[in-house]
Amino acid sequence: MVSAALRQSAPSRAVELAQALQHAFCVDGHGLSAAATYRQVAEAAGLDADVVAAAFRAPQAQEAAAAYFRRTAGPGVTAFPTPLAVDGSRTVTPARGNATTDEVDHRLAAARTARTS
């Protein structure tokens, strides 16, 4: 999940920002509940860090996060990161926990077949 604060600042760069946020968490050990993490990611991406930090602290960011967790609970997301494949209004979870590329490919193919059946 890309924080709503980052997504608001650069919606077309959501994937890039998600990767940067994941790196900050998984590699650098920064907390995802700390405004400083979002400030650092924003600065590195050339965004206005003050705007991102303020948006992170705003009530709307908490509401967006809660809505995101509700939406992802539907396809069975119980841990992060969990990949999701979105096809129109349908969301498929191609892997939970550890899965090989072949397993993910198989699940995506099965989802495509189910969609066209």
C-alpha atoms as a PDB file:
ATOM      1  CA  MET A   1       0.000   0.000   0.000  1.00  0.00           C
ATOM      2  CA  VAL A   2       1.289   3.376  -0.888  1.00  0.00           C
ATOM      3  CA  SER A   3       0.367   5.819   1.798  1.00  0.00           C
ATOM      4  CA  ALA A   4      -2.430   8.133   0.762  1.00  0.00           C
ATOM      5  CA  ALA A   5      -0.080  10.986   1.633  1.00  0.00           C
ATOM      6  CA  LEU A   6       2.454   9.879  -0.995  1.00  0.00           C
ATOM      7  CA  ARG A   7      -0.205   8.921  -3.522  1.00  0.00           C
ATOM      8  CA  GLN A   8      -1.809  12.375  -3.255  1.00  0.00           C
ATOM      9  CA  SER A   9       1.502  14.051  -4.006  1.00  0.00           C
ATOM     10  CA  ALA A  10       2.330  11.940  -7.065  1.00  0.00           C
ATOM     11  CA  PRO A  11      -0.500   9.612  -8.149  1.00  0.00           C
ATOM     12  CA  SER A  12       1.252   8.610 -11.388  1.00  0.00           C
ATOM     13  CA  ARG A  13       4.274   7.398  -9.397  1.00  0.00           C
ATOM     14  CA  ALA A  14       2.394   5.014  -7.065  1.00  0.00           C
ATOM     15  CA  VAL A  15       4.453   1.934  -7.981  1.00  0.00           C
ATOM     16  CA  GLU A  16       7.778   3.754  -7.630  1.00  0.00           C
ATOM     17  CA  LEU A  17       6.720   5.195  -4.270  1.00  0.00           C
ATOM     18  CA  ALA A  18       5.467   1.816  -3.050  1.00  0.00           C
ATOM     19  CA  GLN A  19       8.872   0.341  -3.864  1.00  0.00           C
ATOM     20  CA  ALA A  20      10.638   3.156  -2.027  1.00  0.00           C
ATOM     21  CA  LEU A  21       8.363   2.762   0.981  1.00  0.00           C
ATOM     22  CA  GLN A  22       8.890  -1.002   1.026  1.00  0.00           C
ATOM     23  CA  HIS A  23      12.664  -0.472   0.835  1.00  0.00           C
ATOM     24  CA  ALA A  24      12.523   2.016   3.719  1.00  0.00           C
ATOM     25  CA  PHE A  25      10.642  -0.551   5.798  1.00  0.00           C
ATOM     26  CA  CYS A  26      12.217  -3.874   4.815  1.00  0.00           C
ATOM     27  CA  VAL A  27      15.802  -2.827   4.125  1.00  0.00           C
ATOM     28  CA  ASP A  28      16.362   0.338   6.129  1.00  0.00           C
ATOM     29  CA  GLY A  29      14.167  -0.683   9.073  1.00  0.00           C
ATOM     30  CA  HIS A  30      12.042   2.476   9.166  1.00  0.00           C
ATOM     31  CA  GLY A  31       8.575   2.313  10.668  1.00  0.00           C
ATOM     32  CA  LEU A  32       5.517   2.663   8.473  1.00  0.00           C
ATOM     33  CA  SER A  33       3.699   4.512  11.226  1.00  0.00           C
ATOM     34  CA  ALA A  34       6.344   7.243  11.463  1.00  0.00           C
ATOM     35  CA  ALA A  35       5.868  10.507   9.574  1.00  0.00           C
ATOM     36  CA  ALA A  36       9.665  10.710   9.264  1.00  0.00           C
ATOM     37  CA  THR A  37       9.641   7.640   7.003  1.00  0.00           C
ATOM     38  CA  TYR A  38       7.224   9.302   4.589  1.00  0.00           C
ATOM     39  CA  ARG A  39       9.188  12.530   4.752  1.00  0.00           C
ATOM     40  CA  GLN A  40      12.375  10.669   3.823  1.00  0.00           C
ATOM     41  CA  VAL A  41      10.696   8.824   0.924  1.00  0.00           C
ATOM     42  CA  ALA A  42       9.160  12.090  -0.298  1.00  0.00           C
ATOM     43  CA  GLU A  43      12.494  13.920  -0.200  1.00  0.00           C
ATOM     44  CA  ALA A  44      14.264  11.116  -2.055  1.00  0.00           C
ATOM     45  CA  ALA A  45      11.532  11.190  -4.711  1.00  0.00           C
ATOM     46  CA  GLY A  46      11.763  14.951  -5.132  1.00  0.00           C
ATOM     47  CA  LEU A  47       8.359  15.605  -3.573  1.00  0.00           C
ATOM     48  CA  ASP A  48       7.481  18.313  -1.062  1.00  0.00           C
ATOM     49  CA  ALA A  49       8.259  16.506   2.195  1.00  0.00           C
ATOM     50  CA  ASP A  50       6.335  19.044   4.310  1.00  0.00           C
ATOM     51  CA  VAL A  51       3.170  18.475   2.261  1.00  0.00           C
ATOM     52  CA  VAL A  52       3.551  14.684   2.449  1.00  0.00           C
ATOM     53  CA  ALA A  53       4.222  14.724   6.214  1.00  0.00           C
ATOM     54  CA  ALA A  54       1.210  16.973   6.832  1.00  0.00           C
ATOM     55  CA  ALA A  55      -0.991  14.737   4.675  1.00  0.00           C
ATOM     56  CA  PHE A  56       0.290  11.674   6.568  1.00  0.00           C
ATOM     57  CA  ARG A  57      -0.818  13.203   9.876  1.00  0.00           C
ATOM     58  CA  ALA A  58      -4.208  14.351   8.530  1.00  0.00           C
ATOM     59  CA  PRO A  59      -7.357  12.450   9.545  1.00  0.00           C
ATOM     60  CA  GLN A  60      -8.036  11.710   5.868  1.00  0.00           C
ATOM     61  CA  ALA A  61      -4.877   9.572   5.730  1.00  0.00           C
ATOM     62  CA  GLN A  62      -6.145   7.445   8.612  1.00  0.00           C
ATOM     63  CA  GLU A  63      -9.531   7.121   6.912  1.00  0.00           C
ATOM     64  CA  ALA A  64      -7.871   6.128   3.613  1.00  0.00           C
ATOM     65  CA  ALA A  65      -5.743   3.507   5.378  1.00  0.00           C
ATOM     66  CA  ALA A  66      -8.783   2.050   7.144  1.00  0.00           C
ATOM     67  CA  ALA A  67     -10.696   1.903   3.843  1.00  0.00           C
ATOM     68  CA  TYR A  68      -7.735   0.183   2.190  1.00  0.00           C
ATOM     69  CA  PHE A  69      -7.568  -2.469   4.910  1.00  0.00           C
ATOM     70  CA  ARG A  70     -11.324  -3.090   4.602  1.00  0.00           C
ATOM     71  CA  ARG A  71     -11.027  -3.431   0.823  1.00  0.00           C
ATOM     72  CA  THR A  72      -8.092  -5.838   0.972  1.00  0.00           C
ATOM     73  CA  ALA A  73      -9.711  -7.991   3.657  1.00  0.00           C
ATOM     74  CA  GLY A  74     -12.274  -9.088   1.050  1.00  0.00           C
ATOM     75  CA  PRO A  75      -9.831 -11.131  -1.064  1.00  0.00           C
ATOM     76  CA  GLY A  76      -8.292 -12.611   2.075  1.00  0.00           C
ATOM     77  CA  VAL A  77      -5.309 -10.373   2.724  1.00  0.00           C
ATOM     78  CA  THR A  78      -4.162 -10.968   6.276  1.00  0.00           C
ATOM     79  CA  ALA A  79      -0.510  -9.936   6.043  1.00  0.00           C
ATOM     80  CA  PHE A  80       1.626  -7.545   4.082  1.00  0.00           C
ATOM     81  CA  PRO A  81       3.017  -7.575   1.535  1.00  0.00           C
ATOM     82  CA  THR A  82       0.412  -9.640  -0.320  1.00  0.00           C
ATOM     83  CA  PRO A  83       0.209  -9.300  -4.100  1.00  0.00           C
ATOM     84  CA  LEU A  84      -3.169  -8.466  -5.581  1.00  0.00           C
ATOM     85  CA  ALA A  85      -4.181  -8.707  -9.221  1.00  0.00           C
ATOM     86  CA  VAL A  86      -6.982  -6.310 -10.145  1.00  0.00           C
ATOM     87  CA  ASP A  87      -9.131  -6.971 -13.199  1.00  0.00           C
ATOM     88  CA  GLY A  88     -11.872  -4.376 -13.449  1.00  0.00           C
ATOM     89  CA  SER A  89     -13.854  -4.630 -10.239  1.00  0.00           C
ATOM     90  CA  ARG A  90     -12.504  -8.111  -9.412  1.00  0.00           C
ATOM     91  CA  THR A  91      -9.480  -8.654  -7.172  1.00  0.00           C
ATOM     92  CA  VAL A  92      -7.523 -11.912  -7.035  1.00  0.00           C
ATOM     93  CA  THR A  93      -4.872 -12.860  -4.493  1.00  0.00           C
ATOM     94  CA  PRO A  94      -2.311 -14.879  -6.498  1.00  0.00           C
ATOM     95  CA  ALA A  95      -0.192 -15.696  -3.446  1.00  0.00           C
ATOM     96  CA  ARG A  96      -0.356 -15.703   0.321  1.00  0.00           C
ATOM     97  CA  GLY A  97       2.897 -16.115   2.140  1.00  0.00           C
ATOM     98  CA  ASN A  98       5.555 -17.942   0.170  1.00  0.00           C
ATOM     99  CA  ALA A  99       4.789 -18.881  -3.459  1.00  0.00           C
ATOM    100  CA  THR A 100       6.936 -19.677  -6.458  1.00  0.00           C
ATOM    101  CA  THR A 101       6.607 -17.818  -9.733  1.00  0.00           C
ATOM    102  CA  ASP A 102       5.054 -20.934 -11.264  1.00  0.00           C
ATOM    103  CA  GLU A 103       2.438 -21.077  -8.484  1.00  0.00           C
ATOM    104  CA  VAL A 104       1.558 -17.415  -8.984  1.00  0.00           C
ATOM    105  CA  ASP A 105       1.350 -17.892 -12.770  1.00  0.00           C
ATOM    106  CA  HIS A 106      -0.919 -20.919 -12.272  1.00  0.00           C
ATOM    107  CA  ARG A 107      -3.245 -18.985  -9.943  1.00  0.00           C
ATOM    108  CA  LEU A 108      -3.420 -16.032 -12.325  1.00  0.00           C
ATOM    109  CA  ALA A 109      -4.205 -18.356 -15.242  1.00  0.00           C
ATOM    110  CA  ALA A 110      -6.935 -20.019 -13.188  1.00  0.00           C
ATOM    111  CA  ALA A 111      -8.390 -16.614 -12.359  1.00  0.00           C
ATOM    112  CA  ARG A 112      -8.400 -15.643 -16.047  1.00  0.00           C
ATOM    113  CA  THR A 113     -10.110 -18.918 -16.942  1.00  0.00           C
ATOM    114  CA  ALA A 114     -12.736 -18.425 -14.234  1.00  0.00           C
ATOM    115  CA  ARG A 115     -13.392 -14.912 -15.524  1.00  0.00           C
ATOM    116  CA  THR A 116     -14.052 -16.076 -19.074  1.00  0.00           C
ATOM    117  CA  SER A 117     -16.137 -19.119 -18.071  1.00  0.00           C
END
